[in-house]
């Protein structure tokens, strides 16, 4: 019994090849979606954000490697069994989320549509770090934190009610919404709040549909929903 469990956990750990892909892909992403639209490789706010993002990612990786290493394999791709409605929703969500970066680059790095003071940029970094911290907290306590909506029968899916899940039922989505606004403002762009708002709106829709799915299909979730009343925003909804 223990050997089967150990084998399952080993298979869930991150593939070293994915670390290499991340190491190559992240600089390519920033080059394509930040500095190319900015038209300026010396864009100061862009480089400040890249450094902050990289440092935060590295710290989060160390924490999750210790407390929940299988989260990397779980979030590495869209798994079999993902709900069809979620695949459609993600087709709109990912472009909207990615658009935050080039819109910010075009705004602050190239055309300077709105002058954003450093106090607002500082607020952006506060929101960015807060959203990132809550995301890592949720991933640390929830081994079922996958990128798509499905009932993970292959992984022994069960209700998680500790950590931020004791406050709201979908803390990862709340954290993402805070994070999106933080990215836009830390890059010095008010225009980038538009794709951030669209992304957040899609997450609100996803929260509703995912919650309905879990209540209908995941044992124990209805009882959990009675204990933790709020789906997304404490004392609001």
C-alpha atoms as a PDB file:
ATOM      1  CA  UNK A   1       0.000   0.000   0.000  1.00  0.00           C
ATOM      2  CA  UNK A   2       2.765   2.438   0.943  1.00  0.00           C
ATOM      3  CA  UNK A   3       4.836   1.509  -2.101  1.00  0.00           C
ATOM      4  CA  UNK A   4       1.901   2.334  -4.387  1.00  0.00           C
ATOM      5  CA  UNK A   5       1.472   5.670  -2.667  1.00  0.00           C
ATOM      6  CA  UNK A   6       5.178   6.454  -2.954  1.00  0.00           C
ATOM      7  CA  UNK A   7       5.161   5.558  -6.644  1.00  0.00           C
ATOM      8  CA  UNK A   8       2.169   7.830  -7.248  1.00  0.00           C
ATOM      9  CA  UNK A   9       3.825  10.739  -5.429  1.00  0.00           C
ATOM     10  CA  UNK A  10       7.068  10.213  -7.353  1.00  0.00           C
ATOM     11  CA  UNK A  11       5.216  10.273 -10.657  1.00  0.00           C
ATOM     12  CA  UNK A  12       3.557  13.549  -9.643  1.00  0.00           C
ATOM     13  CA  UNK A  13       6.833  15.356  -9.040  1.00  0.00           C
ATOM     14  CA  UNK A  14       8.030  17.866 -11.565  1.00  0.00           C
ATOM     15  CA  UNK A  15       9.866  16.631 -14.632  1.00  0.00           C
ATOM     16  CA  UNK A  16      13.335  18.285 -14.851  1.00  0.00           C
ATOM     17  CA  UNK A  17      12.640  18.936 -18.532  1.00  0.00           C
ATOM     18  CA  UNK A  18       9.806  21.229 -17.526  1.00  0.00           C
ATOM     19  CA  UNK A  19      12.203  23.251 -15.389  1.00  0.00           C
ATOM     20  CA  UNK A  20      14.364  23.691 -18.476  1.00  0.00           C
ATOM     21  CA  UNK A  21      11.334  24.701 -20.530  1.00  0.00           C
ATOM     22  CA  UNK A  22      10.416  27.268 -17.884  1.00  0.00           C
ATOM     23  CA  UNK A  23      13.977  28.620 -17.760  1.00  0.00           C
ATOM     24  CA  UNK A  24      13.903  29.129 -21.536  1.00  0.00           C
ATOM     25  CA  UNK A  25      10.266  30.096 -21.890  1.00  0.00           C
ATOM     26  CA  UNK A  26      10.074  32.835 -19.262  1.00  0.00           C
ATOM     27  CA  UNK A  27      12.748  35.105 -20.820  1.00  0.00           C
ATOM     28  CA  UNK A  28      11.203  34.476 -24.241  1.00  0.00           C
ATOM     29  CA  UNK A  29       7.775  35.450 -22.880  1.00  0.00           C
ATOM     30  CA  UNK A  30       9.055  38.731 -21.455  1.00  0.00           C
ATOM     31  CA  UNK A  31      10.960  39.527 -24.633  1.00  0.00           C
ATOM     32  CA  UNK A  32       7.913  38.872 -26.821  1.00  0.00           C
ATOM     33  CA  UNK A  33       5.146  40.361 -24.688  1.00  0.00           C
ATOM     34  CA  UNK A  34       6.939  43.136 -22.788  1.00  0.00           C
ATOM     35  CA  UNK A  35      10.061  44.548 -24.400  1.00  0.00           C
ATOM     36  CA  UNK A  36       9.128  43.997 -28.043  1.00  0.00           C
ATOM     37  CA  UNK A  37       5.834  45.954 -27.690  1.00  0.00           C
ATOM     38  CA  UNK A  38       7.632  48.567 -25.578  1.00  0.00           C
ATOM     39  CA  UNK A  39      10.138  49.056 -28.384  1.00  0.00           C
ATOM     40  CA  UNK A  40      12.785  49.776 -25.782  1.00  0.00           C
ATOM     41  CA  UNK A  41      15.083  47.190 -24.201  1.00  0.00           C
ATOM     42  CA  UNK A  42      16.067  49.753 -21.569  1.00  0.00           C
ATOM     43  CA  UNK A  43      12.482  50.206 -20.317  1.00  0.00           C
ATOM     44  CA  UNK A  44      13.089  50.739 -16.594  1.00  0.00           C
ATOM     45  CA  UNK A  45       9.688  49.727 -15.221  1.00  0.00           C
ATOM     46  CA  UNK A  46       9.740  46.635 -17.385  1.00  0.00           C
ATOM     47  CA  UNK A  47      13.074  45.476 -15.990  1.00  0.00           C
ATOM     48  CA  UNK A  48      12.032  46.255 -12.420  1.00  0.00           C
ATOM     49  CA  UNK A  49       8.973  44.079 -12.876  1.00  0.00           C
ATOM     50  CA  UNK A  50      10.939  41.237 -14.476  1.00  0.00           C
ATOM     51  CA  UNK A  51      13.369  41.199 -11.559  1.00  0.00           C
ATOM     52  CA  UNK A  52      10.560  41.291  -8.994  1.00  0.00           C
ATOM     53  CA  UNK A  53       8.611  38.591 -10.821  1.00  0.00           C
ATOM     54  CA  UNK A  54      11.639  36.314 -11.165  1.00  0.00           C
ATOM     55  CA  UNK A  55      12.630  36.702  -7.511  1.00  0.00           C
ATOM     56  CA  UNK A  56       9.068  36.026  -6.357  1.00  0.00           C
ATOM     57  CA  UNK A  57       8.775  32.974  -8.615  1.00  0.00           C
ATOM     58  CA  UNK A  58      12.061  31.585  -7.298  1.00  0.00           C
ATOM     59  CA  UNK A  59      10.987  32.031  -3.675  1.00  0.00           C
ATOM     60  CA  UNK A  60       7.608  30.431  -4.366  1.00  0.00           C
ATOM     61  CA  UNK A  61       9.305  27.501  -6.112  1.00  0.00           C
ATOM     62  CA  UNK A  62      11.472  26.823  -3.069  1.00  0.00           C
ATOM     63  CA  UNK A  63       8.465  26.928  -0.730  1.00  0.00           C
ATOM     64  CA  UNK A  64       6.305  24.649  -2.892  1.00  0.00           C
ATOM     65  CA  UNK A  65       9.144  22.204  -3.494  1.00  0.00           C
ATOM     66  CA  UNK A  66       9.254  21.697   0.254  1.00  0.00           C
ATOM     67  CA  UNK A  67       5.566  21.659   1.186  1.00  0.00           C
ATOM     68  CA  UNK A  68       3.777  20.424  -1.965  1.00  0.00           C
ATOM     69  CA  UNK A  69       6.159  19.348  -4.757  1.00  0.00           C
ATOM     70  CA  UNK A  70       3.497  17.429  -6.699  1.00  0.00           C
ATOM     71  CA  UNK A  71       1.748  20.729  -7.475  1.00  0.00           C
ATOM     72  CA  UNK A  72       4.177  21.251 -10.375  1.00  0.00           C
ATOM     73  CA  UNK A  73       3.154  18.076 -12.151  1.00  0.00           C
ATOM     74  CA  UNK A  74      -0.505  18.773 -11.380  1.00  0.00           C
ATOM     75  CA  UNK A  75      -0.298  22.226 -12.996  1.00  0.00           C
ATOM     76  CA  UNK A  76       1.969  21.303 -15.890  1.00  0.00           C
ATOM     77  CA  UNK A  77      -0.826  20.752 -18.437  1.00  0.00           C
ATOM     78  CA  UNK A  78      -4.568  20.493 -19.027  1.00  0.00           C
ATOM     79  CA  UNK A  79      -5.543  17.038 -17.819  1.00  0.00           C
ATOM     80  CA  UNK A  80      -7.927  14.489 -19.297  1.00  0.00           C
ATOM     81  CA  UNK A  81     -11.431  14.921 -17.934  1.00  0.00           C
ATOM     82  CA  UNK A  82     -11.436  18.726 -18.047  1.00  0.00           C
ATOM     83  CA  UNK A  83     -14.953  20.063 -18.460  1.00  0.00           C
ATOM     84  CA  UNK A  84     -15.756  21.162 -22.002  1.00  0.00           C
ATOM     85  CA  UNK A  85     -17.114  24.497 -20.827  1.00  0.00           C
ATOM     86  CA  UNK A  86     -13.803  25.152 -19.043  1.00  0.00           C
ATOM     87  CA  UNK A  87     -11.763  24.474 -22.175  1.00  0.00           C
ATOM     88  CA  UNK A  88     -13.884  27.058 -24.000  1.00  0.00           C
ATOM     89  CA  UNK A  89     -13.561  29.544 -21.144  1.00  0.00           C
ATOM     90  CA  UNK A  90      -9.782  29.098 -20.990  1.00  0.00           C
ATOM     91  CA  UNK A  91      -9.577  29.862 -24.723  1.00  0.00           C
ATOM     92  CA  UNK A  92     -10.783  33.376 -23.870  1.00  0.00           C
ATOM     93  CA  UNK A  93      -9.131  33.682 -20.469  1.00  0.00           C
ATOM     94  CA  UNK A  94      -5.498  33.039 -21.416  1.00  0.00           C
ATOM     95  CA  UNK A  95      -5.373  35.641 -24.243  1.00  0.00           C
ATOM     96  CA  UNK A  96      -7.009  38.225 -21.974  1.00  0.00           C
ATOM     97  CA  UNK A  97      -4.517  37.519 -19.197  1.00  0.00           C
ATOM     98  CA  UNK A  98      -1.496  37.606 -21.511  1.00  0.00           C
ATOM     99  CA  UNK A  99      -2.763  40.875 -23.030  1.00  0.00           C
ATOM    100  CA  UNK A 100      -2.051  42.654 -19.739  1.00  0.00           C
ATOM    101  CA  UNK A 101       1.675  42.609 -20.567  1.00  0.00           C
ATOM    102  CA  UNK A 102       1.786  44.025 -24.127  1.00  0.00           C
ATOM    103  CA  UNK A 103      -0.897  46.597 -23.339  1.00  0.00           C
ATOM    104  CA  UNK A 104       1.164  47.810 -20.367  1.00  0.00           C
ATOM    105  CA  UNK A 105       4.298  47.831 -22.534  1.00  0.00           C
ATOM    106  CA  UNK A 106       2.605  49.832 -25.278  1.00  0.00           C
ATOM    107  CA  UNK A 107       1.239  52.258 -22.690  1.00  0.00           C
ATOM    108  CA  UNK A 108       4.157  52.934 -20.367  1.00  0.00           C
ATOM    109  CA  UNK A 109       7.053  51.726 -22.494  1.00  0.00           C
ATOM    110  CA  UNK A 110       6.223  53.140 -25.923  1.00  0.00           C
ATOM    111  CA  UNK A 111       3.353  55.635 -26.202  1.00  0.00           C
ATOM    112  CA  UNK A 112       3.065  56.976 -22.618  1.00  0.00           C
ATOM    113  CA  UNK A 113      -0.731  57.323 -22.801  1.00  0.00           C
ATOM    114  CA  UNK A 114      -1.104  58.020 -19.072  1.00  0.00           C
ATOM    115  CA  UNK A 115       1.550  59.193 -16.644  1.00  0.00           C
ATOM    116  CA  UNK A 116       1.355  56.929 -13.594  1.00  0.00           C
ATOM    117  CA  UNK A 117       3.143  58.161 -10.447  1.00  0.00           C
ATOM    118  CA  UNK A 118       5.454  55.893  -8.469  1.00  0.00           C
ATOM    119  CA  UNK A 119       2.944  55.822  -5.620  1.00  0.00           C
ATOM    120  CA  UNK A 120       0.507  53.976  -7.905  1.00  0.00           C
ATOM    121  CA  UNK A 121       3.299  51.696  -9.095  1.00  0.00           C
ATOM    122  CA  UNK A 122       4.085  50.975  -5.442  1.00  0.00           C
ATOM    123  CA  UNK A 123       0.424  50.060  -4.886  1.00  0.00           C
ATOM    124  CA  UNK A 124       0.736  47.744  -7.873  1.00  0.00           C
ATOM    125  CA  UNK A 125       3.665  45.912  -6.319  1.00  0.00           C
ATOM    126  CA  UNK A 126       1.751  45.582  -3.042  1.00  0.00           C
ATOM    127  CA  UNK A 127      -1.188  44.007  -4.896  1.00  0.00           C
ATOM    128  CA  UNK A 128       1.154  41.846  -6.961  1.00  0.00           C
ATOM    129  CA  UNK A 129       2.941  40.462  -3.899  1.00  0.00           C
ATOM    130  CA  UNK A 130      -0.322  39.995  -2.002  1.00  0.00           C
ATOM    131  CA  UNK A 131      -1.914  38.091  -4.872  1.00  0.00           C
ATOM    132  CA  UNK A 132       1.196  35.979  -5.352  1.00  0.00           C
ATOM    133  CA  UNK A 133       1.396  35.166  -1.638  1.00  0.00           C
ATOM    134  CA  UNK A 134      -2.235  34.025  -1.464  1.00  0.00           C
ATOM    135  CA  UNK A 135      -1.752  31.947  -4.610  1.00  0.00           C
ATOM    136  CA  UNK A 136       1.249  30.162  -3.111  1.00  0.00           C
ATOM    137  CA  UNK A 137      -0.651  29.663   0.153  1.00  0.00           C
ATOM    138  CA  UNK A 138      -3.543  28.041  -1.714  1.00  0.00           C
ATOM    139  CA  UNK A 139      -1.191  25.830  -3.728  1.00  0.00           C
ATOM    140  CA  UNK A 140       0.709  24.848  -0.592  1.00  0.00           C
ATOM    141  CA  UNK A 141      -2.369  23.377   1.109  1.00  0.00           C
ATOM    142  CA  UNK A 142      -4.221  22.085  -1.961  1.00  0.00           C
ATOM    143  CA  UNK A 143      -2.610  19.230  -3.890  1.00  0.00           C
ATOM    144  CA  UNK A 144      -5.577  19.342  -6.293  1.00  0.00           C
ATOM    145  CA  UNK A 145      -4.805  22.891  -7.488  1.00  0.00           C
ATOM    146  CA  UNK A 146      -4.858  22.135 -11.241  1.00  0.00           C
ATOM    147  CA  UNK A 147      -5.113  24.612 -14.138  1.00  0.00           C
ATOM    148  CA  UNK A 148      -8.467  23.262 -15.342  1.00  0.00           C
ATOM    149  CA  UNK A 149     -11.778  22.213 -13.844  1.00  0.00           C
ATOM    150  CA  UNK A 150     -12.356  18.483 -13.455  1.00  0.00           C
ATOM    151  CA  UNK A 151     -13.147  15.941 -10.775  1.00  0.00           C
ATOM    152  CA  UNK A 152      -9.766  14.354 -10.138  1.00  0.00           C
ATOM    153  CA  UNK A 153     -10.872  10.789  -9.451  1.00  0.00           C
ATOM    154  CA  UNK A 154      -7.445   9.558 -10.599  1.00  0.00           C
ATOM    155  CA  UNK A 155      -5.816  11.538  -7.776  1.00  0.00           C
ATOM    156  CA  UNK A 156      -8.258  10.807  -4.954  1.00  0.00           C
ATOM    157  CA  UNK A 157      -9.935  14.215  -5.188  1.00  0.00           C
ATOM    158  CA  UNK A 158     -11.336  15.436  -1.869  1.00  0.00           C
ATOM    159  CA  UNK A 159     -12.465  18.694  -0.296  1.00  0.00           C
ATOM    160  CA  UNK A 160      -9.737  21.017   1.025  1.00  0.00           C
ATOM    161  CA  UNK A 161     -10.928  23.248   3.858  1.00  0.00           C
ATOM    162  CA  UNK A 162      -7.698  24.460   5.469  1.00  0.00           C
ATOM    163  CA  UNK A 163      -5.600  27.592   4.944  1.00  0.00           C
ATOM    164  CA  UNK A 164      -7.341  30.196   2.756  1.00  0.00           C
ATOM    165  CA  UNK A 165     -10.027  27.613   1.915  1.00  0.00           C
ATOM    166  CA  UNK A 166     -11.373  28.116   5.423  1.00  0.00           C
ATOM    167  CA  UNK A 167     -12.227  31.708   4.441  1.00  0.00           C
ATOM    168  CA  UNK A 168     -13.446  31.476   0.820  1.00  0.00           C
ATOM    169  CA  UNK A 169     -14.071  28.478  -1.414  1.00  0.00           C
ATOM    170  CA  UNK A 170     -11.962  29.705  -4.346  1.00  0.00           C
ATOM    171  CA  UNK A 171      -9.027  31.703  -2.911  1.00  0.00           C
ATOM    172  CA  UNK A 172      -6.848  31.049  -5.962  1.00  0.00           C
ATOM    173  CA  UNK A 173      -9.208  33.037  -8.155  1.00  0.00           C
ATOM    174  CA  UNK A 174      -9.399  35.911  -5.681  1.00  0.00           C
ATOM    175  CA  UNK A 175      -5.604  35.963  -5.559  1.00  0.00           C
ATOM    176  CA  UNK A 176      -5.399  35.968  -9.356  1.00  0.00           C
ATOM    177  CA  UNK A 177      -7.727  38.954  -9.619  1.00  0.00           C
ATOM    178  CA  UNK A 178      -5.575  40.897  -7.153  1.00  0.00           C
ATOM    179  CA  UNK A 179      -2.468  39.761  -9.018  1.00  0.00           C
ATOM    180  CA  UNK A 180      -3.755  40.941 -12.419  1.00  0.00           C
ATOM    181  CA  UNK A 181      -4.446  44.448 -11.133  1.00  0.00           C
ATOM    182  CA  UNK A 182      -1.049  44.447  -9.454  1.00  0.00           C
ATOM    183  CA  UNK A 183       0.757  43.511 -12.661  1.00  0.00           C
ATOM    184  CA  UNK A 184      -0.923  46.304 -14.614  1.00  0.00           C
ATOM    185  CA  UNK A 185      -0.150  48.985 -12.029  1.00  0.00           C
ATOM    186  CA  UNK A 186       3.383  47.809 -11.245  1.00  0.00           C
ATOM    187  CA  UNK A 187       4.137  48.154 -14.957  1.00  0.00           C
ATOM    188  CA  UNK A 188       2.827  51.723 -14.771  1.00  0.00           C
ATOM    189  CA  UNK A 189      -0.249  51.258 -16.928  1.00  0.00           C
ATOM    190  CA  UNK A 190      -3.894  52.149 -16.398  1.00  0.00           C
ATOM    191  CA  UNK A 191      -4.831  50.835 -19.844  1.00  0.00           C
ATOM    192  CA  UNK A 192      -3.624  47.382 -18.828  1.00  0.00           C
ATOM    193  CA  UNK A 193      -6.367  47.354 -16.194  1.00  0.00           C
ATOM    194  CA  UNK A 194      -8.801  46.685 -19.068  1.00  0.00           C
ATOM    195  CA  UNK A 195      -7.504  43.177 -19.939  1.00  0.00           C
ATOM    196  CA  UNK A 196      -6.974  42.644 -16.205  1.00  0.00           C
ATOM    197  CA  UNK A 197     -10.663  43.402 -15.619  1.00  0.00           C
ATOM    198  CA  UNK A 198     -11.727  41.126 -18.493  1.00  0.00           C
ATOM    199  CA  UNK A 199      -9.600  38.308 -17.072  1.00  0.00           C
ATOM    200  CA  UNK A 200     -11.110  38.867 -13.637  1.00  0.00           C
ATOM    201  CA  UNK A 201     -14.625  38.856 -15.066  1.00  0.00           C
ATOM    202  CA  UNK A 202     -13.968  35.501 -16.699  1.00  0.00           C
ATOM    203  CA  UNK A 203     -12.700  34.177 -13.363  1.00  0.00           C
ATOM    204  CA  UNK A 204     -15.925  35.271 -11.679  1.00  0.00           C
ATOM    205  CA  UNK A 205     -17.851  33.281 -14.284  1.00  0.00           C
ATOM    206  CA  UNK A 206     -15.519  30.328 -13.822  1.00  0.00           C
ATOM    207  CA  UNK A 207     -15.964  30.507 -10.056  1.00  0.00           C
ATOM    208  CA  UNK A 208     -19.728  30.174 -10.417  1.00  0.00           C
ATOM    209  CA  UNK A 209     -19.554  27.272 -12.877  1.00  0.00           C
ATOM    210  CA  UNK A 210     -16.805  25.438 -11.024  1.00  0.00           C
ATOM    211  CA  UNK A 211     -18.636  25.761  -7.728  1.00  0.00           C
ATOM    212  CA  UNK A 212     -21.770  24.293  -9.317  1.00  0.00           C
ATOM    213  CA  UNK A 213     -19.689  21.405 -10.692  1.00  0.00           C
ATOM    214  CA  UNK A 214     -18.066  20.659  -7.341  1.00  0.00           C
ATOM    215  CA  UNK A 215     -21.358  20.777  -5.473  1.00  0.00           C
ATOM    216  CA  UNK A 216     -22.892  18.361  -7.951  1.00  0.00           C
ATOM    217  CA  UNK A 217     -19.984  15.918  -8.327  1.00  0.00           C
ATOM    218  CA  UNK A 218     -17.469  16.107  -5.466  1.00  0.00           C
ATOM    219  CA  UNK A 219     -18.480  14.215  -2.298  1.00  0.00           C
ATOM    220  CA  UNK A 220     -18.515  16.434   0.771  1.00  0.00           C
ATOM    221  CA  UNK A 221     -18.427  19.727  -1.134  1.00  0.00           C
ATOM    222  CA  UNK A 222     -22.042  20.670  -0.396  1.00  0.00           C
ATOM    223  CA  UNK A 223     -21.362  20.325   3.316  1.00  0.00           C
ATOM    224  CA  UNK A 224     -18.189  22.381   2.917  1.00  0.00           C
ATOM    225  CA  UNK A 225     -20.156  25.096   1.079  1.00  0.00           C
ATOM    226  CA  UNK A 226     -22.535  25.283   4.038  1.00  0.00           C
ATOM    227  CA  UNK A 227     -19.591  25.854   6.394  1.00  0.00           C
ATOM    228  CA  UNK A 228     -17.718  28.320   4.153  1.00  0.00           C
ATOM    229  CA  UNK A 229     -20.430  30.544   2.740  1.00  0.00           C
ATOM    230  CA  UNK A 230     -18.422  32.816   0.455  1.00  0.00           C
ATOM    231  CA  UNK A 231     -17.258  31.654  -2.960  1.00  0.00           C
ATOM    232  CA  UNK A 232     -14.774  34.396  -3.829  1.00  0.00           C
ATOM    233  CA  UNK A 233     -14.901  37.602  -1.792  1.00  0.00           C
ATOM    234  CA  UNK A 234     -15.218  37.415   2.016  1.00  0.00           C
ATOM    235  CA  UNK A 235     -18.533  38.802   3.352  1.00  0.00           C
ATOM    236  CA  UNK A 236     -19.651  39.696  -0.203  1.00  0.00           C
ATOM    237  CA  UNK A 237     -20.065  36.602  -2.443  1.00  0.00           C
END
